[in-house]
Amino acid sequence: MEISGTIWLEDVVDKLRRKHNVEPGEVEEVLSGRPSFRRIEAGHVRGEDLYAAFGRTEAGRPLTAYFVHKLTHQALIVSARTMTRNEKRLYGKN
């Protein structure tokens, strides 16, 4: 999957920091690495679906990032959090 950049909404950045203790830079590290992707659901706009990316930050933190893959190949970040135990088991080798 090609991701040419990220789109950040201020509300999402605030939520990531406050609720999940995740910094935008950590999400960008995961997306620019070699994450595993899973399509979660079809988007409201044809061709812009919701995906999850499973990967690790440069510091080794396992993260799951949720984003809408835009037609421009940019990722509109919706949420991100530390991987669950099950996700670590399935995708933790990233």
PDB file of N, CA and C in Angstrom:
ATOM      1  N   MET A   1       0.849  -1.169   0.000  1.00  0.00           N
ATOM      2  CA  MET A   1       0.000   0.000   0.000  1.00  0.00           C
ATOM      3  C   MET A   1       0.896   1.233   0.000  1.00  0.00           C
ATOM      4  N   GLU A   2       0.594   2.171  -0.862  1.00  0.00           N
ATOM      5  CA  GLU A   2       1.365   3.416  -0.932  1.00  0.00           C
ATOM      6  C   GLU A   2       0.744   4.471  -0.026  1.00  0.00           C
ATOM      7  N   ILE A   3       1.560   5.051   0.838  1.00  0.00           N
ATOM      8  CA  ILE A   3       1.136   6.168   1.679  1.00  0.00           C
ATOM      9  C   ILE A   3       2.115   7.304   1.438  1.00  0.00           C
ATOM     10  N   SER A   4       1.601   8.391   0.848  1.00  0.00           N
ATOM     11  CA  SER A   4       2.465   9.508   0.464  1.00  0.00           C
ATOM     12  C   SER A   4       2.589  10.570   1.557  1.00  0.00           C
ATOM     13  N   GLY A   5       1.808  10.461   2.604  1.00  0.00           N
ATOM     14  CA  GLY A   5       1.847  11.439   3.689  1.00  0.00           C
ATOM     15  C   GLY A   5       0.697  11.205   4.640  1.00  0.00           C
ATOM     16  N   THR A   6       0.658  12.002   5.692  1.00  0.00           N
ATOM     17  CA  THR A   6      -0.410  11.869   6.679  1.00  0.00           C
ATOM     18  C   THR A   6      -1.184  13.169   6.807  1.00  0.00           C
ATOM     19  N   ILE A   7      -2.452  13.010   7.134  1.00  0.00           N
ATOM     20  CA  ILE A   7      -3.333  14.140   7.396  1.00  0.00           C
ATOM     21  C   ILE A   7      -3.724  14.057   8.860  1.00  0.00           C
ATOM     22  N   TRP A   8      -3.493  15.145   9.593  1.00  0.00           N
ATOM     23  CA  TRP A   8      -3.780  15.187  11.023  1.00  0.00           C
ATOM     24  C   TRP A   8      -4.877  16.196  11.322  1.00  0.00           C
ATOM     25  N   LEU A   9      -5.864  15.787  12.082  1.00  0.00           N
ATOM     26  CA  LEU A   9      -6.880  16.689  12.610  1.00  0.00           C
ATOM     27  C   LEU A   9      -6.527  16.966  14.068  1.00  0.00           C
ATOM     28  N   GLU A  10      -6.629  18.218  14.476  1.00  0.00           N
ATOM     29  CA  GLU A  10      -6.224  18.617  15.828  1.00  0.00           C
ATOM     30  C   GLU A  10      -6.936  17.806  16.904  1.00  0.00           C
ATOM     31  N   ASP A  11      -8.229  17.524  16.707  1.00  0.00           N
ATOM     32  CA  ASP A  11      -8.995  16.745  17.685  1.00  0.00           C
ATOM     33  C   ASP A  11      -8.398  15.351  17.865  1.00  0.00           C
ATOM     34  N   VAL A  12      -7.966  14.746  16.761  1.00  0.00           N
ATOM     35  CA  VAL A  12      -7.408  13.403  16.807  1.00  0.00           C
ATOM     36  C   VAL A  12      -6.064  13.423  17.532  1.00  0.00           C
ATOM     37  N   VAL A  13      -5.227  14.410  17.232  1.00  0.00           N
ATOM     38  CA  VAL A  13      -3.922  14.525  17.899  1.00  0.00           C
ATOM     39  C   VAL A  13      -4.126  14.664  19.405  1.00  0.00           C
ATOM     40  N   ASP A  14      -5.065  15.501  19.811  1.00  0.00           N
ATOM     41  CA  ASP A  14      -5.352  15.687  21.240  1.00  0.00           C
ATOM     42  C   ASP A  14      -5.799  14.380  21.887  1.00  0.00           C
ATOM     43  N   LYS A  15      -6.697  13.655  21.198  1.00  0.00           N
ATOM     44  CA  LYS A  15      -7.205  12.387  21.731  1.00  0.00           C
ATOM     45  C   LYS A  15      -6.081  11.356  21.855  1.00  0.00           C
ATOM     46  N   LEU A  16      -5.234  11.268  20.841  1.00  0.00           N
ATOM     47  CA  LEU A  16      -4.136  10.299  20.884  1.00  0.00           C
ATOM     48  C   LEU A  16      -3.228  10.550  22.080  1.00  0.00           C
ATOM     49  N   ARG A  17      -2.911  11.793  22.305  1.00  0.00           N
ATOM     50  CA  ARG A  17      -2.029  12.140  23.427  1.00  0.00           C
ATOM     51  C   ARG A  17      -2.712  11.902  24.767  1.00  0.00           C
ATOM     52  N   ARG A  18      -3.942  12.367  24.893  1.00  0.00           N
ATOM     53  CA  ARG A  18      -4.654  12.317  26.162  1.00  0.00           C
ATOM     54  C   ARG A  18      -5.099  10.898  26.521  1.00  0.00           C
ATOM     55  N   LYS A  19      -5.716  10.219  25.592  1.00  0.00           N
ATOM     56  CA  LYS A  19      -6.339   8.929  25.886  1.00  0.00           C
ATOM     57  C   LYS A  19      -5.394   7.740  25.698  1.00  0.00           C
ATOM     58  N   HIS A  20      -4.513   7.810  24.691  1.00  0.00           N
ATOM     59  CA  HIS A  20      -3.693   6.645  24.340  1.00  0.00           C
ATOM     60  C   HIS A  20      -2.198   6.855  24.552  1.00  0.00           C
ATOM     61  N   ASN A  21      -1.809   8.069  24.946  1.00  0.00           N
ATOM     62  CA  ASN A  21      -0.394   8.370  25.160  1.00  0.00           C
ATOM     63  C   ASN A  21       0.451   8.053  23.913  1.00  0.00           C
ATOM     64  N   VAL A  22      -0.072   8.437  22.760  1.00  0.00           N
ATOM     65  CA  VAL A  22       0.603   8.216  21.480  1.00  0.00           C
ATOM     66  C   VAL A  22       0.892   9.569  20.845  1.00  0.00           C
ATOM     67  N   GLU A  23       2.115   9.751  20.370  1.00  0.00           N
ATOM     68  CA  GLU A  23       2.522  10.979  19.693  1.00  0.00           C
ATOM     69  C   GLU A  23       2.390  10.802  18.174  1.00  0.00           C
ATOM     70  N   PRO A  24       2.041  11.871  17.456  1.00  0.00           N
ATOM     71  CA  PRO A  24       1.937  11.789  15.992  1.00  0.00           C
ATOM     72  C   PRO A  24       3.195  11.212  15.335  1.00  0.00           C
ATOM     73  N   GLY A  25       4.357  11.577  15.847  1.00  0.00           N
ATOM     74  CA  GLY A  25       5.598  11.067  15.274  1.00  0.00           C
ATOM     75  C   GLY A  25       5.702   9.552  15.360  1.00  0.00           C
ATOM     76  N   GLU A  26       5.139   8.965  16.413  1.00  0.00           N
ATOM     77  CA  GLU A  26       5.157   7.505  16.544  1.00  0.00           C
ATOM     78  C   GLU A  26       4.302   6.850  15.455  1.00  0.00           C
ATOM     79  N   VAL A  27       3.155   7.455  15.176  1.00  0.00           N
ATOM     80  CA  VAL A  27       2.282   6.928  14.124  1.00  0.00           C
ATOM     81  C   VAL A  27       2.989   7.020  12.774  1.00  0.00           C
ATOM     82  N   GLU A  28       3.639   8.138  12.521  1.00  0.00           N
ATOM     83  CA  GLU A  28       4.352   8.309  11.252  1.00  0.00           C
ATOM     84  C   GLU A  28       5.510   7.320  11.126  1.00  0.00           C
ATOM     85  N   GLU A  29       6.174   7.001  12.238  1.00  0.00           N
ATOM     86  CA  GLU A  29       7.231   5.990  12.211  1.00  0.00           C
ATOM     87  C   GLU A  29       6.671   4.632  11.798  1.00  0.00           C
ATOM     88  N   VAL A  30       5.522   4.269  12.350  1.00  0.00           N
ATOM     89  CA  VAL A  30       4.900   2.992  12.007  1.00  0.00           C
ATOM     90  C   VAL A  30       4.535   2.963  10.528  1.00  0.00           C
ATOM     91  N   LEU A  31       3.904   4.034  10.049  1.00  0.00           N
ATOM     92  CA  LEU A  31       3.456   4.058   8.658  1.00  0.00           C
ATOM     93  C   LEU A  31       4.620   4.099   7.667  1.00  0.00           C
ATOM     94  N   SER A  32       5.729   4.698   8.059  1.00  0.00           N
ATOM     95  CA  SER A  32       6.866   4.791   7.140  1.00  0.00           C
ATOM     96  C   SER A  32       7.756   3.549   7.219  1.00  0.00           C
ATOM     97  N   GLY A  33       7.500   2.688   8.206  1.00  0.00           N
ATOM     98  CA  GLY A  33       8.244   1.435   8.320  1.00  0.00           C
ATOM     99  C   GLY A  33       7.641   0.401   7.385  1.00  0.00           C
ATOM    100  N   ARG A  34       7.574  -0.811   7.859  1.00  0.00           N
ATOM    101  CA  ARG A  34       6.982  -1.883   7.069  1.00  0.00           C
ATOM    102  C   ARG A  34       5.837  -2.529   7.850  1.00  0.00           C
ATOM    103  N   PRO A  35       4.741  -1.791   8.024  1.00  0.00           N
ATOM    104  CA  PRO A  35       3.629  -2.326   8.803  1.00  0.00           C
ATOM    105  C   PRO A  35       2.836  -3.366   8.019  1.00  0.00           C
ATOM    106  N   SER A  36       2.049  -4.124   8.750  1.00  0.00           N
ATOM    107  CA  SER A  36       1.033  -4.988   8.151  1.00  0.00           C
ATOM    108  C   SER A  36      -0.246  -4.172   8.094  1.00  0.00           C
ATOM    109  N   PHE A  37      -0.987  -4.304   7.007  1.00  0.00           N
ATOM    110  CA  PHE A  37      -2.237  -3.560   6.843  1.00  0.00           C
ATOM    111  C   PHE A  37      -3.414  -4.519   6.821  1.00  0.00           C
ATOM    112  N   ARG A  38      -4.536  -4.054   7.366  1.00  0.00           N
ATOM    113  CA  ARG A  38      -5.781  -4.801   7.288  1.00  0.00           C
ATOM    114  C   ARG A  38      -6.909  -3.829   6.991  1.00  0.00           C
ATOM    115  N   ARG A  39      -7.692  -4.139   5.965  1.00  0.00           N
ATOM    116  CA  ARG A  39      -8.863  -3.314   5.646  1.00  0.00           C
ATOM    117  C   ARG A  39      -9.932  -3.617   6.685  1.00  0.00           C
ATOM    118  N   ILE A  40     -10.439  -2.557   7.314  1.00  0.00           N
ATOM    119  CA  ILE A  40     -11.426  -2.700   8.385  1.00  0.00           C
ATOM    120  C   ILE A  40     -12.854  -2.613   7.834  1.00  0.00           C
ATOM    121  N   GLU A  41     -13.099  -1.584   7.010  1.00  0.00           N
ATOM    122  CA  GLU A  41     -14.436  -1.419   6.435  1.00  0.00           C
ATOM    123  C   GLU A  41     -14.379  -0.455   5.266  1.00  0.00           C
ATOM    124  N   ALA A  42     -15.427  -0.534   4.445  1.00  0.00           N
ATOM    125  CA  ALA A  42     -15.546   0.378   3.314  1.00  0.00           C
ATOM    126  C   ALA A  42     -15.806   1.786   3.836  1.00  0.00           C
ATOM    127  N   GLY A  43     -15.248   2.759   3.144  1.00  0.00           N
ATOM    128  CA  GLY A  43     -15.436   4.141   3.547  1.00  0.00           C
ATOM    129  C   GLY A  43     -16.721   4.740   3.012  1.00  0.00           C
ATOM    130  N   HIS A  44     -17.023   5.941   3.453  1.00  0.00           N
ATOM    131  CA  HIS A  44     -18.210   6.647   2.980  1.00  0.00           C
ATOM    132  C   HIS A  44     -18.002   7.165   1.569  1.00  0.00           C
ATOM    133  N   VAL A  45     -16.752   7.376   1.189  1.00  0.00           N
ATOM    134  CA  VAL A  45     -16.393   7.794  -0.168  1.00  0.00           C
ATOM    135  C   VAL A  45     -15.817   6.575  -0.875  1.00  0.00           C
ATOM    136  N   ARG A  46     -16.304   6.297  -2.066  1.00  0.00           N
ATOM    137  CA  ARG A  46     -15.825   5.135  -2.812  1.00  0.00           C
ATOM    138  C   ARG A  46     -14.310   5.202  -2.983  1.00  0.00           C
ATOM    139  N   GLY A  47     -13.636   4.114  -2.611  1.00  0.00           N
ATOM    140  CA  GLY A  47     -12.188   4.054  -2.749  1.00  0.00           C
ATOM    141  C   GLY A  47     -11.419   4.604  -1.569  1.00  0.00           C
ATOM    142  N   GLU A  48     -12.104   5.132  -0.565  1.00  0.00           N
ATOM    143  CA  GLU A  48     -11.451   5.661   0.636  1.00  0.00           C
ATOM    144  C   GLU A  48     -11.896   4.834   1.832  1.00  0.00           C
ATOM    145  N   ASP A  49     -11.223   3.711   2.022  1.00  0.00           N
ATOM    146  CA  ASP A  49     -11.604   2.749   3.051  1.00  0.00           C
ATOM    147  C   ASP A  49     -10.813   2.960   4.342  1.00  0.00           C
ATOM    148  N   LEU A  50     -11.347   2.393   5.421  1.00  0.00           N
ATOM    149  CA  LEU A  50     -10.689   2.445   6.724  1.00  0.00           C
ATOM    150  C   LEU A  50      -9.753   1.247   6.851  1.00  0.00           C
ATOM    151  N   TYR A  51      -8.517   1.520   7.259  1.00  0.00           N
ATOM    152  CA  TYR A  51      -7.496   0.488   7.424  1.00  0.00           C
ATOM    153  C   TYR A  51      -6.885   0.566   8.817  1.00  0.00           C
ATOM    154  N   ALA A  52      -6.290  -0.549   9.216  1.00  0.00           N
ATOM    155  CA  ALA A  52      -5.453  -0.591  10.413  1.00  0.00           C
ATOM    156  C   ALA A  52      -4.048  -0.939   9.952  1.00  0.00           C
ATOM    157  N   ALA A  53      -3.062  -0.262  10.538  1.00  0.00           N
ATOM    158  CA  ALA A  53      -1.652  -0.564  10.289  1.00  0.00           C
ATOM    159  C   ALA A  53      -1.062  -1.064  11.596  1.00  0.00           C
ATOM    160  N   PHE A  54      -0.374  -2.196  11.539  1.00  0.00           N
ATOM    161  CA  PHE A  54       0.233  -2.810  12.713  1.00  0.00           C
ATOM    162  C   PHE A  54       1.744  -2.769  12.529  1.00  0.00           C
ATOM    163  N   GLY A  55       2.432  -2.113  13.445  1.00  0.00           N
ATOM    164  CA  GLY A  55       3.877  -2.019  13.328  1.00  0.00           C
ATOM    165  C   GLY A  55       4.509  -1.532  14.615  1.00  0.00           C
ATOM    166  N   ARG A  56       5.804  -1.279  14.522  1.00  0.00           N
ATOM    167  CA  ARG A  56       6.558  -0.828  15.685  1.00  0.00           C
ATOM    168  C   ARG A  56       7.199   0.525  15.410  1.00  0.00           C
ATOM    169  N   THR A  57       7.301   1.317  16.471  1.00  0.00           N
ATOM    170  CA  THR A  57       8.002   2.592  16.374  1.00  0.00           C
ATOM    171  C   THR A  57       9.504   2.309  16.329  1.00  0.00           C
ATOM    172  N   GLU A  58      10.295   3.332  16.081  1.00  0.00           N
ATOM    173  CA  GLU A  58      11.749   3.167  16.078  1.00  0.00           C
ATOM    174  C   GLU A  58      12.254   2.718  17.452  1.00  0.00           C
ATOM    175  N   ALA A  59      11.531   3.085  18.508  1.00  0.00           N
ATOM    176  CA  ALA A  59      11.897   2.676  19.865  1.00  0.00           C
ATOM    177  C   ALA A  59      11.396   1.273  20.200  1.00  0.00           C
ATOM    178  N   GLY A  60      10.645   0.656  19.280  1.00  0.00           N
ATOM    179  CA  GLY A  60      10.159  -0.702  19.488  1.00  0.00           C
ATOM    180  C   GLY A  60       8.763  -0.827  20.045  1.00  0.00           C
ATOM    181  N   ARG A  61       8.062   0.284  20.217  1.00  0.00           N
ATOM    182  CA  ARG A  61       6.704   0.243  20.760  1.00  0.00           C
ATOM    183  C   ARG A  61       5.746  -0.305  19.704  1.00  0.00           C
ATOM    184  N   PRO A  62       4.972  -1.350  20.033  1.00  0.00           N
ATOM    185  CA  PRO A  62       4.010  -1.898  19.075  1.00  0.00           C
ATOM    186  C   PRO A  62       2.736  -1.053  19.037  1.00  0.00           C
ATOM    187  N   LEU A  63       2.410  -0.528  17.869  1.00  0.00           N
ATOM    188  CA  LEU A  63       1.232   0.336  17.716  1.00  0.00           C
ATOM    189  C   LEU A  63       0.292  -0.188  16.642  1.00  0.00           C
ATOM    190  N   THR A  64      -0.977   0.106  16.848  1.00  0.00           N
ATOM    191  CA  THR A  64      -2.001  -0.075  15.827  1.00  0.00           C
ATOM    192  C   THR A  64      -2.513   1.309  15.481  1.00  0.00           C
ATOM    193  N   ALA A  65      -2.446   1.667  14.206  1.00  0.00           N
ATOM    194  CA  ALA A  65      -2.918   2.974  13.742  1.00  0.00           C
ATOM    195  C   ALA A  65      -4.091   2.767  12.796  1.00  0.00           C
ATOM    196  N   TYR A  66      -5.161   3.493  13.011  1.00  0.00           N
ATOM    197  CA  TYR A  66      -6.346   3.431  12.158  1.00  0.00           C
ATOM    198  C   TYR A  66      -6.380   4.675  11.287  1.00  0.00           C
ATOM    199  N   PHE A  67      -6.630   4.478   9.999  1.00  0.00           N
ATOM    200  CA  PHE A  67      -6.615   5.611   9.075  1.00  0.00           C
ATOM    201  C   PHE A  67      -7.508   5.341   7.868  1.00  0.00           C
ATOM    202  N   VAL A  68      -7.928   6.438   7.246  1.00  0.00           N
ATOM    203  CA  VAL A  68      -8.641   6.366   5.977  1.00  0.00           C
ATOM    204  C   VAL A  68      -7.596   6.571   4.888  1.00  0.00           C
ATOM    205  N   HIS A  69      -7.519   5.608   3.970  1.00  0.00           N
ATOM    206  CA  HIS A  69      -6.576   5.726   2.857  1.00  0.00           C
ATOM    207  C   HIS A  69      -7.265   6.549   1.768  1.00  0.00           C
ATOM    208  N   LYS A  70      -6.833   7.805   1.636  1.00  0.00           N
ATOM    209  CA  LYS A  70      -7.453   8.751   0.717  1.00  0.00           C
ATOM    210  C   LYS A  70      -7.063   8.441  -0.726  1.00  0.00           C
ATOM    211  N   LEU A  71      -7.835   8.928  -1.667  1.00  0.00           N
ATOM    212  CA  LEU A  71      -7.543   8.736  -3.094  1.00  0.00           C
ATOM    213  C   LEU A  71      -6.198   9.347  -3.477  1.00  0.00           C
ATOM    214  N   THR A  72      -5.722  10.305  -2.691  1.00  0.00           N
ATOM    215  CA  THR A  72      -4.428  10.951  -2.929  1.00  0.00           C
ATOM    216  C   THR A  72      -3.272  10.118  -2.361  1.00  0.00           C
ATOM    217  N   HIS A  73      -3.591   8.950  -1.794  1.00  0.00           N
ATOM    218  CA  HIS A  73      -2.632   8.049  -1.138  1.00  0.00           C
ATOM    219  C   HIS A  73      -2.145   8.581   0.201  1.00  0.00           C
ATOM    220  N   GLN A  74      -2.811   9.607   0.732  1.00  0.00           N
ATOM    221  CA  GLN A  74      -2.492  10.095   2.066  1.00  0.00           C
ATOM    222  C   GLN A  74      -3.312   9.310   3.084  1.00  0.00           C
ATOM    223  N   ALA A  75      -2.795   9.243   4.298  1.00  0.00           N
ATOM    224  CA  ALA A  75      -3.487   8.564   5.388  1.00  0.00           C
ATOM    225  C   ALA A  75      -4.102   9.612   6.312  1.00  0.00           C
ATOM    226  N   LEU A  76      -5.414   9.634   6.398  1.00  0.00           N
ATOM    227  CA  LEU A  76      -6.124  10.494   7.345  1.00  0.00           C
ATOM    228  C   LEU A  76      -6.219   9.708   8.647  1.00  0.00           C
ATOM    229  N   ILE A  77      -5.439  10.111   9.630  1.00  0.00           N
ATOM    230  CA  ILE A  77      -5.353   9.367  10.881  1.00  0.00           C
ATOM    231  C   ILE A  77      -6.644   9.542  11.676  1.00  0.00           C
ATOM    232  N   VAL A  78      -7.192   8.408  12.108  1.00  0.00           N
ATOM    233  CA  VAL A  78      -8.432   8.399  12.883  1.00  0.00           C
ATOM    234  C   VAL A  78      -8.143   8.101  14.351  1.00  0.00           C
ATOM    235  N   SER A  79      -7.227   7.154  14.596  1.00  0.00           N
ATOM    236  CA  SER A  79      -6.876   6.789  15.964  1.00  0.00           C
ATOM    237  C   SER A  79      -5.588   5.975  15.937  1.00  0.00           C
ATOM    238  N   ALA A  80      -5.001   5.776  17.094  1.00  0.00           N
ATOM    239  CA  ALA A  80      -3.829   4.919  17.255  1.00  0.00           C
ATOM    240  C   ALA A  80      -3.709   4.568  18.730  1.00  0.00           C
ATOM    241  N   ARG A  81      -3.188   3.379  18.974  1.00  0.00           N
ATOM    242  CA  ARG A  81      -3.035   2.911  20.354  1.00  0.00           C
ATOM    243  C   ARG A  81      -1.988   1.813  20.383  1.00  0.00           C
ATOM    244  N   THR A  82      -1.564   1.456  21.581  1.00  0.00           N
ATOM    245  CA  THR A  82      -0.680   0.309  21.749  1.00  0.00           C
ATOM    246  C   THR A  82      -1.419  -0.944  21.313  1.00  0.00           C
ATOM    247  N   MET A  83      -0.710  -1.850  20.636  1.00  0.00           N
ATOM    248  CA  MET A  83      -1.338  -3.097  20.201  1.00  0.00           C
ATOM    249  C   MET A  83      -1.879  -3.873  21.388  1.00  0.00           C
ATOM    250  N   THR A  84      -2.983  -4.562  21.159  1.00  0.00           N
ATOM    251  CA  THR A  84      -3.515  -5.477  22.166  1.00  0.00           C
ATOM    252  C   THR A  84      -2.649  -6.735  22.203  1.00  0.00           C
ATOM    253  N   ARG A  85      -2.839  -7.539  23.197  1.00  0.00           N
ATOM    254  CA  ARG A  85      -2.093  -8.795  23.317  1.00  0.00           C
ATOM    255  C   ARG A  85      -2.310  -9.677  22.084  1.00  0.00           C
ATOM    256  N   ASN A  86      -3.531  -9.779  21.620  1.00  0.00           N
ATOM    257  CA  ASN A  86      -3.839 -10.592  20.446  1.00  0.00           C
ATOM    258  C   ASN A  86      -3.162 -10.021  19.189  1.00  0.00           C
ATOM    259  N   GLU A  87      -3.193  -8.706  19.039  1.00  0.00           N
ATOM    260  CA  GLU A  87      -2.527  -8.077  17.892  1.00  0.00           C
ATOM    261  C   GLU A  87      -1.021  -8.313  17.943  1.00  0.00           C
ATOM    262  N   LYS A  88      -0.448  -8.242  19.120  1.00  0.00           N
ATOM    263  CA  LYS A  88       0.989  -8.514  19.253  1.00  0.00           C
ATOM    264  C   LYS A  88       1.306  -9.934  18.809  1.00  0.00           C
ATOM    265  N   ARG A  89       0.454 -10.852  19.171  1.00  0.00           N
ATOM    266  CA  ARG A  89       0.657 -12.242  18.795  1.00  0.00           C
ATOM    267  C   ARG A  89       0.584 -12.411  17.280  1.00  0.00           C
ATOM    268  N   LEU A  90      -0.385 -11.748  16.657  1.00  0.00           N
ATOM    269  CA  LEU A  90      -0.583 -11.889  15.213  1.00  0.00           C
ATOM    270  C   LEU A  90       0.387 -11.058  14.386  1.00  0.00           C
ATOM    271  N   TYR A  91       0.673  -9.828  14.828  1.00  0.00           N
ATOM    272  CA  TYR A  91       1.433  -8.883  14.012  1.00  0.00           C
ATOM    273  C   TYR A  91       2.731  -8.435  14.661  1.00  0.00           C
ATOM    274  N   GLY A  92       3.022  -8.908  15.853  1.00  0.00           N
ATOM    275  CA  GLY A  92       4.142  -8.428  16.633  1.00  0.00           C
ATOM    276  C   GLY A  92       5.511  -8.652  16.031  1.00  0.00           C
ATOM    277  N   LYS A  93       5.601  -9.404  14.952  1.00  0.00           N
ATOM    278  CA  LYS A  93       6.898  -9.650  14.334  1.00  0.00           C
ATOM    279  C   LYS A  93       7.345  -8.498  13.454  1.00  0.00           C
ATOM    280  N   ASN A  94       6.495  -7.480  13.296  1.00  0.00           N
ATOM    281  CA  ASN A  94       6.847  -6.308  12.466  1.00  0.00           C
ATOM    282  C   ASN A  94       7.938  -5.500  13.099  1.00  0.00           C
TER     283      ASN A  94
END
